[in-house]
């Protein structure tokens, strides 16, 4: 299948929102993901290098996020980014720094030219946070000025790569307000009141074992 707006761009038949990475091309990409407004979520960055296993040593790009979504930081102000199992902190250094234009400069490199193992899968993850004010909807996550570097110092460059993040707002959840109208097709919980008296224990002399908690039972 192809994208009707761009016949040269393939479309994933199982999920049109998930980017299709041609099996015979080198690419750095972000699979589509979701995040709840006011919460955090993990974004994976994946590297596809078919036929070039253990060849690439470094990558860099500028990350542009939707307004209201940013890279989360720890208590010391460092961005929450991690290398994947395709490498380790002994082999590669990873940084993610906020730029004056609001983008993030991401750089992963190896001083001893260590390569990423395998030829496909995640190379890093980024923890993102969304402000509570972000409305529900699909937004673009853009990687610009992407550069992938091989051990022989040759490079593969991409001007721009785009993915999608789906924001889920708290207003999308079912409401507990009994006066709010029910939306057709929406799952709801019904509370059916019943009336009567709590079950009375068998008549006998009061003992703690038989009557324990009885006088704390509610009456309806």
C-alpha atoms as a PDB file:
ATOM      1  CA  UNK A   1       0.000   0.000   0.000  1.00  0.00           C
ATOM      2  CA  UNK A   2       1.038   3.577  -0.588  1.00  0.00           C
ATOM      3  CA  UNK A   3       0.167   6.943   0.860  1.00  0.00           C
ATOM      4  CA  UNK A   4      -2.449   8.562  -1.425  1.00  0.00           C
ATOM      5  CA  UNK A   5      -0.853  11.946  -0.759  1.00  0.00           C
ATOM      6  CA  UNK A   6       2.585  10.607  -1.699  1.00  0.00           C
ATOM      7  CA  UNK A   7       2.600   7.496  -3.932  1.00  0.00           C
ATOM      8  CA  UNK A   8       6.302   7.013  -3.238  1.00  0.00           C
ATOM      9  CA  UNK A   9       5.757   6.661   0.505  1.00  0.00           C
ATOM     10  CA  UNK A  10       4.744   3.158   1.711  1.00  0.00           C
ATOM     11  CA  UNK A  11       1.987   2.713   4.289  1.00  0.00           C
ATOM     12  CA  UNK A  12       1.839   0.078   7.010  1.00  0.00           C
ATOM     13  CA  UNK A  13      -1.306  -1.982   6.219  1.00  0.00           C
ATOM     14  CA  UNK A  14      -1.668  -3.003   9.878  1.00  0.00           C
ATOM     15  CA  UNK A  15      -1.355   0.504  11.335  1.00  0.00           C
ATOM     16  CA  UNK A  16      -1.106   3.556   9.030  1.00  0.00           C
ATOM     17  CA  UNK A  17       0.308   5.626  11.909  1.00  0.00           C
ATOM     18  CA  UNK A  18       3.394   3.411  12.278  1.00  0.00           C
ATOM     19  CA  UNK A  19       6.157   4.399   9.869  1.00  0.00           C
ATOM     20  CA  UNK A  20       7.200   1.800   7.333  1.00  0.00           C
ATOM     21  CA  UNK A  21      10.951   1.388   7.160  1.00  0.00           C
ATOM     22  CA  UNK A  22      11.969  -0.274   3.887  1.00  0.00           C
ATOM     23  CA  UNK A  23      13.885  -3.472   4.670  1.00  0.00           C
ATOM     24  CA  UNK A  24      16.651  -2.513   2.246  1.00  0.00           C
ATOM     25  CA  UNK A  25      17.288   1.042   3.458  1.00  0.00           C
ATOM     26  CA  UNK A  26      19.231   2.620   6.305  1.00  0.00           C
ATOM     27  CA  UNK A  27      17.049   4.770   8.553  1.00  0.00           C
ATOM     28  CA  UNK A  28      16.729   6.318  11.991  1.00  0.00           C
ATOM     29  CA  UNK A  29      13.070   6.554  12.998  1.00  0.00           C
ATOM     30  CA  UNK A  30      10.589   6.906  15.870  1.00  0.00           C
ATOM     31  CA  UNK A  31       7.658   4.470  16.011  1.00  0.00           C
ATOM     32  CA  UNK A  32       4.347   6.195  16.751  1.00  0.00           C
ATOM     33  CA  UNK A  33       3.445   6.285  20.447  1.00  0.00           C
ATOM     34  CA  UNK A  34       0.957   7.829  22.866  1.00  0.00           C
ATOM     35  CA  UNK A  35       1.134   9.946  26.014  1.00  0.00           C
ATOM     36  CA  UNK A  36      -1.501  11.136  28.491  1.00  0.00           C
ATOM     37  CA  UNK A  37      -1.703  14.868  29.090  1.00  0.00           C
ATOM     38  CA  UNK A  38      -0.076  15.689  32.408  1.00  0.00           C
ATOM     39  CA  UNK A  39       1.910  12.434  32.398  1.00  0.00           C
ATOM     40  CA  UNK A  40       5.168  10.949  31.140  1.00  0.00           C
ATOM     41  CA  UNK A  41       5.859   8.380  28.411  1.00  0.00           C
ATOM     42  CA  UNK A  42       8.894   6.734  26.850  1.00  0.00           C
ATOM     43  CA  UNK A  43       9.762   7.375  23.197  1.00  0.00           C
ATOM     44  CA  UNK A  44      11.982   4.865  21.410  1.00  0.00           C
ATOM     45  CA  UNK A  45      14.432   5.867  18.674  1.00  0.00           C
ATOM     46  CA  UNK A  46      15.257   2.985  16.347  1.00  0.00           C
ATOM     47  CA  UNK A  47      18.051   2.384  13.870  1.00  0.00           C
ATOM     48  CA  UNK A  48      17.559   0.174  10.813  1.00  0.00           C
ATOM     49  CA  UNK A  49      20.755  -0.832   8.983  1.00  0.00           C
ATOM     50  CA  UNK A  50      19.941  -3.900   6.848  1.00  0.00           C
ATOM     51  CA  UNK A  51      22.993  -5.763   5.640  1.00  0.00           C
ATOM     52  CA  UNK A  52      25.244  -3.547   7.754  1.00  0.00           C
ATOM     53  CA  UNK A  53      25.182  -5.230  11.147  1.00  0.00           C
ATOM     54  CA  UNK A  54      27.781  -3.833  13.570  1.00  0.00           C
ATOM     55  CA  UNK A  55      28.717  -1.056  11.136  1.00  0.00           C
ATOM     56  CA  UNK A  56      27.399   2.255  12.501  1.00  0.00           C
ATOM     57  CA  UNK A  57      29.162   3.947  15.393  1.00  0.00           C
ATOM     58  CA  UNK A  58      27.330   7.242  15.911  1.00  0.00           C
ATOM     59  CA  UNK A  59      24.261   9.333  15.159  1.00  0.00           C
ATOM     60  CA  UNK A  60      23.001  12.841  15.778  1.00  0.00           C
ATOM     61  CA  UNK A  61      19.811  14.813  15.137  1.00  0.00           C
ATOM     62  CA  UNK A  62      17.696  17.744  16.278  1.00  0.00           C
ATOM     63  CA  UNK A  63      14.459  16.708  17.990  1.00  0.00           C
ATOM     64  CA  UNK A  64      11.399  18.952  17.602  1.00  0.00           C
ATOM     65  CA  UNK A  65       8.463  18.191  19.929  1.00  0.00           C
ATOM     66  CA  UNK A  66       4.890  19.559  19.940  1.00  0.00           C
ATOM     67  CA  UNK A  67       4.167  22.576  22.125  1.00  0.00           C
ATOM     68  CA  UNK A  68       3.487  21.454  25.683  1.00  0.00           C
ATOM     69  CA  UNK A  69       5.579  18.289  25.386  1.00  0.00           C
ATOM     70  CA  UNK A  70       9.224  18.258  26.476  1.00  0.00           C
ATOM     71  CA  UNK A  71      12.022  15.914  27.478  1.00  0.00           C
ATOM     72  CA  UNK A  72      11.739  15.063  31.165  1.00  0.00           C
ATOM     73  CA  UNK A  73      14.658  15.806  33.506  1.00  0.00           C
ATOM     74  CA  UNK A  74      15.921  14.349  36.758  1.00  0.00           C
ATOM     75  CA  UNK A  75      16.379  16.209  40.065  1.00  0.00           C
ATOM     76  CA  UNK A  76      19.684  17.596  38.800  1.00  0.00           C
ATOM     77  CA  UNK A  77      18.202  18.931  35.584  1.00  0.00           C
ATOM     78  CA  UNK A  78      19.709  16.285  33.284  1.00  0.00           C
ATOM     79  CA  UNK A  79      17.510  15.030  30.466  1.00  0.00           C
ATOM     80  CA  UNK A  80      16.189  11.479  30.866  1.00  0.00           C
ATOM     81  CA  UNK A  81      17.723   9.626  27.935  1.00  0.00           C
ATOM     82  CA  UNK A  82      19.105   6.082  27.918  1.00  0.00           C
ATOM     83  CA  UNK A  83      21.012   3.820  25.572  1.00  0.00           C
ATOM     84  CA  UNK A  84      19.375   0.575  24.516  1.00  0.00           C
ATOM     85  CA  UNK A  85      20.719  -2.955  24.867  1.00  0.00           C
ATOM     86  CA  UNK A  86      22.381  -2.631  21.439  1.00  0.00           C
ATOM     87  CA  UNK A  87      25.264  -0.856  23.166  1.00  0.00           C
ATOM     88  CA  UNK A  88      26.357   0.320  26.630  1.00  0.00           C
ATOM     89  CA  UNK A  89      27.663   3.405  28.406  1.00  0.00           C
ATOM     90  CA  UNK A  90      31.157   1.875  28.240  1.00  0.00           C
ATOM     91  CA  UNK A  91      31.014   1.955  24.448  1.00  0.00           C
ATOM     92  CA  UNK A  92      28.931   5.050  23.664  1.00  0.00           C
ATOM     93  CA  UNK A  93      28.269   8.497  25.125  1.00  0.00           C
ATOM     94  CA  UNK A  94      24.778   9.982  24.825  1.00  0.00           C
ATOM     95  CA  UNK A  95      23.642  13.577  25.328  1.00  0.00           C
ATOM     96  CA  UNK A  96      20.412  15.494  24.804  1.00  0.00           C
ATOM     97  CA  UNK A  97      20.615  19.270  25.243  1.00  0.00           C
ATOM     98  CA  UNK A  98      17.869  21.880  24.941  1.00  0.00           C
ATOM     99  CA  UNK A  99      18.614  24.484  22.266  1.00  0.00           C
ATOM    100  CA  UNK A 100      17.606  28.184  22.115  1.00  0.00           C
ATOM    101  CA  UNK A 101      15.000  27.443  19.421  1.00  0.00           C
ATOM    102  CA  UNK A 102      13.229  24.898  21.663  1.00  0.00           C
ATOM    103  CA  UNK A 103      14.596  21.821  19.920  1.00  0.00           C
ATOM    104  CA  UNK A 104      16.880  19.230  21.498  1.00  0.00           C
ATOM    105  CA  UNK A 105      20.297  18.363  20.106  1.00  0.00           C
ATOM    106  CA  UNK A 106      20.810  14.608  20.480  1.00  0.00           C
ATOM    107  CA  UNK A 107      24.289  13.171  20.002  1.00  0.00           C
ATOM    108  CA  UNK A 108      25.473   9.584  20.436  1.00  0.00           C
ATOM    109  CA  UNK A 109      29.100   8.744  19.672  1.00  0.00           C
ATOM    110  CA  UNK A 110      31.940   6.362  20.517  1.00  0.00           C
ATOM    111  CA  UNK A 111      35.497   7.509  21.131  1.00  0.00           C
ATOM    112  CA  UNK A 112      36.803   4.023  20.309  1.00  0.00           C
ATOM    113  CA  UNK A 113      34.516   3.537  17.263  1.00  0.00           C
ATOM    114  CA  UNK A 114      32.341   0.875  18.893  1.00  0.00           C
ATOM    115  CA  UNK A 115      29.375  -0.110  16.725  1.00  0.00           C
ATOM    116  CA  UNK A 116      25.723  -0.766  17.553  1.00  0.00           C
ATOM    117  CA  UNK A 117      25.041  -4.493  17.658  1.00  0.00           C
ATOM    118  CA  UNK A 118      22.596  -6.007  15.205  1.00  0.00           C
ATOM    119  CA  UNK A 119      20.979  -4.255  12.259  1.00  0.00           C
ATOM    120  CA  UNK A 120      17.556  -3.223  13.584  1.00  0.00           C
ATOM    121  CA  UNK A 121      15.812  -2.088  16.774  1.00  0.00           C
ATOM    122  CA  UNK A 122      15.955   0.606  19.420  1.00  0.00           C
ATOM    123  CA  UNK A 123      19.247   2.416  20.045  1.00  0.00           C
ATOM    124  CA  UNK A 124      17.949   4.816  22.698  1.00  0.00           C
ATOM    125  CA  UNK A 125      14.893   5.909  24.650  1.00  0.00           C
ATOM    126  CA  UNK A 126      13.755   9.376  25.712  1.00  0.00           C
ATOM    127  CA  UNK A 127      11.348  10.084  28.570  1.00  0.00           C
ATOM    128  CA  UNK A 128       8.862  12.787  27.585  1.00  0.00           C
ATOM    129  CA  UNK A 129       6.435  14.736  29.741  1.00  0.00           C
ATOM    130  CA  UNK A 130       3.220  16.409  28.669  1.00  0.00           C
ATOM    131  CA  UNK A 131       1.681  19.488  30.257  1.00  0.00           C
ATOM    132  CA  UNK A 132      -1.894  18.980  31.544  1.00  0.00           C
ATOM    133  CA  UNK A 133      -3.091  21.681  29.126  1.00  0.00           C
ATOM    134  CA  UNK A 134      -2.190  19.688  25.992  1.00  0.00           C
ATOM    135  CA  UNK A 135      -5.382  18.756  24.149  1.00  0.00           C
ATOM    136  CA  UNK A 136      -6.161  15.323  22.770  1.00  0.00           C
ATOM    137  CA  UNK A 137      -5.065  14.671  19.208  1.00  0.00           C
ATOM    138  CA  UNK A 138      -2.248  13.548  16.953  1.00  0.00           C
ATOM    139  CA  UNK A 139       0.905  15.670  16.854  1.00  0.00           C
ATOM    140  CA  UNK A 140       4.131  15.508  14.867  1.00  0.00           C
ATOM    141  CA  UNK A 141       7.496  14.539  16.316  1.00  0.00           C
ATOM    142  CA  UNK A 142      10.235  15.668  13.945  1.00  0.00           C
ATOM    143  CA  UNK A 143      13.880  14.652  13.635  1.00  0.00           C
ATOM    144  CA  UNK A 144      15.927  17.109  11.565  1.00  0.00           C
ATOM    145  CA  UNK A 145      19.498  17.166  10.297  1.00  0.00           C
ATOM    146  CA  UNK A 146      19.906  13.441  10.971  1.00  0.00           C
ATOM    147  CA  UNK A 147      23.437  12.099  10.484  1.00  0.00           C
ATOM    148  CA  UNK A 148      24.403   8.425  10.841  1.00  0.00           C
ATOM    149  CA  UNK A 149      28.128   7.657  10.906  1.00  0.00           C
ATOM    150  CA  UNK A 150      29.902   4.406  10.061  1.00  0.00           C
ATOM    151  CA  UNK A 151      33.210   3.184  11.486  1.00  0.00           C
ATOM    152  CA  UNK A 152      34.936   4.141   8.210  1.00  0.00           C
ATOM    153  CA  UNK A 153      33.652   7.732   8.780  1.00  0.00           C
ATOM    154  CA  UNK A 154      31.227   7.591   5.836  1.00  0.00           C
ATOM    155  CA  UNK A 155      27.812   9.136   6.587  1.00  0.00           C
ATOM    156  CA  UNK A 156      24.124   8.710   5.803  1.00  0.00           C
ATOM    157  CA  UNK A 157      22.106  11.920   6.097  1.00  0.00           C
ATOM    158  CA  UNK A 158      18.403  12.745   6.260  1.00  0.00           C
ATOM    159  CA  UNK A 159      17.056  16.283   6.191  1.00  0.00           C
ATOM    160  CA  UNK A 160      13.863  15.482   8.092  1.00  0.00           C
ATOM    161  CA  UNK A 161      12.043  12.447   9.501  1.00  0.00           C
ATOM    162  CA  UNK A 162       8.550  12.692  11.010  1.00  0.00           C
ATOM    163  CA  UNK A 163       6.576  10.490  13.393  1.00  0.00           C
ATOM    164  CA  UNK A 164       3.326  10.834  15.349  1.00  0.00           C
ATOM    165  CA  UNK A 165       2.521  11.099  19.046  1.00  0.00           C
ATOM    166  CA  UNK A 166      -1.078  10.633  20.149  1.00  0.00           C
ATOM    167  CA  UNK A 167      -2.047  12.740  23.161  1.00  0.00           C
ATOM    168  CA  UNK A 168      -4.821  11.373  25.354  1.00  0.00           C
ATOM    169  CA  UNK A 169      -6.480  13.963  27.546  1.00  0.00           C
ATOM    170  CA  UNK A 170      -8.095  13.227  30.890  1.00  0.00           C
ATOM    171  CA  UNK A 171     -11.347  14.497  29.389  1.00  0.00           C
ATOM    172  CA  UNK A 172     -11.316  11.396  27.177  1.00  0.00           C
ATOM    173  CA  UNK A 173     -11.895   9.198  30.217  1.00  0.00           C
ATOM    174  CA  UNK A 174     -15.449   8.340  31.374  1.00  0.00           C
ATOM    175  CA  UNK A 175     -16.787  10.953  33.788  1.00  0.00           C
ATOM    176  CA  UNK A 176     -17.977  10.241  37.346  1.00  0.00           C
ATOM    177  CA  UNK A 177     -20.504  13.104  37.081  1.00  0.00           C
ATOM    178  CA  UNK A 178     -23.997  11.528  37.272  1.00  0.00           C
ATOM    179  CA  UNK A 179     -25.506  14.522  35.480  1.00  0.00           C
ATOM    180  CA  UNK A 180     -23.212  14.242  32.441  1.00  0.00           C
ATOM    181  CA  UNK A 181     -25.041  12.720  29.451  1.00  0.00           C
ATOM    182  CA  UNK A 182     -23.945   9.276  28.295  1.00  0.00           C
ATOM    183  CA  UNK A 183     -22.177   9.186  24.942  1.00  0.00           C
ATOM    184  CA  UNK A 184     -23.490   6.420  22.633  1.00  0.00           C
ATOM    185  CA  UNK A 185     -21.081   3.499  22.620  1.00  0.00           C
ATOM    186  CA  UNK A 186     -19.360   4.594  25.850  1.00  0.00           C
ATOM    187  CA  UNK A 187     -18.959   2.099  28.696  1.00  0.00           C
ATOM    188  CA  UNK A 188     -20.544   3.257  31.969  1.00  0.00           C
ATOM    189  CA  UNK A 189     -21.012   1.864  35.467  1.00  0.00           C
ATOM    190  CA  UNK A 190     -24.516   1.752  36.968  1.00  0.00           C
ATOM    191  CA  UNK A 191     -25.135   1.898  40.736  1.00  0.00           C
ATOM    192  CA  UNK A 192     -28.416   0.158  41.568  1.00  0.00           C
ATOM    193  CA  UNK A 193     -29.611   1.023  45.105  1.00  0.00           C
ATOM    194  CA  UNK A 194     -31.130  -1.733  47.261  1.00  0.00           C
ATOM    195  CA  UNK A 195     -33.053  -1.432  50.502  1.00  0.00           C
ATOM    196  CA  UNK A 196     -33.289  -3.590  53.615  1.00  0.00           C
ATOM    197  CA  UNK A 197     -31.497  -4.355  56.838  1.00  0.00           C
ATOM    198  CA  UNK A 198     -28.156  -5.894  57.505  1.00  0.00           C
ATOM    199  CA  UNK A 199     -28.324  -9.631  58.193  1.00  0.00           C
ATOM    200  CA  UNK A 200     -28.913 -10.288  61.900  1.00  0.00           C
ATOM    201  CA  UNK A 201     -26.753 -12.983  63.499  1.00  0.00           C
ATOM    202  CA  UNK A 202     -28.512 -16.009  65.069  1.00  0.00           C
ATOM    203  CA  UNK A 203     -30.164 -15.177  68.402  1.00  0.00           C
ATOM    204  CA  UNK A 204     -27.864 -16.241  71.172  1.00  0.00           C
ATOM    205  CA  UNK A 205     -25.832 -14.722  73.946  1.00  0.00           C
ATOM    206  CA  UNK A 206     -23.537 -11.983  72.668  1.00  0.00           C
ATOM    207  CA  UNK A 207     -20.063 -13.136  71.838  1.00  0.00           C
ATOM    208  CA  UNK A 208     -17.241 -11.297  70.105  1.00  0.00           C
ATOM    209  CA  UNK A 209     -16.903 -14.082  67.534  1.00  0.00           C
ATOM    210  CA  UNK A 210     -20.540 -14.031  66.381  1.00  0.00           C
ATOM    211  CA  UNK A 211     -21.253 -10.303  66.598  1.00  0.00           C
ATOM    212  CA  UNK A 212     -17.878  -8.911  65.609  1.00  0.00           C
ATOM    213  CA  UNK A 213     -18.400  -5.901  63.360  1.00  0.00           C
ATOM    214  CA  UNK A 214     -22.190  -6.301  63.254  1.00  0.00           C
ATOM    215  CA  UNK A 215     -22.970  -2.936  64.752  1.00  0.00           C
ATOM    216  CA  UNK A 216     -20.678  -1.273  62.253  1.00  0.00           C
ATOM    217  CA  UNK A 217     -22.623  -2.601  59.260  1.00  0.00           C
ATOM    218  CA  UNK A 218     -24.551   0.045  57.256  1.00  0.00           C
ATOM    219  CA  UNK A 219     -28.330   0.148  56.990  1.00  0.00           C
ATOM    220  CA  UNK A 220     -29.846   0.829  53.529  1.00  0.00           C
END
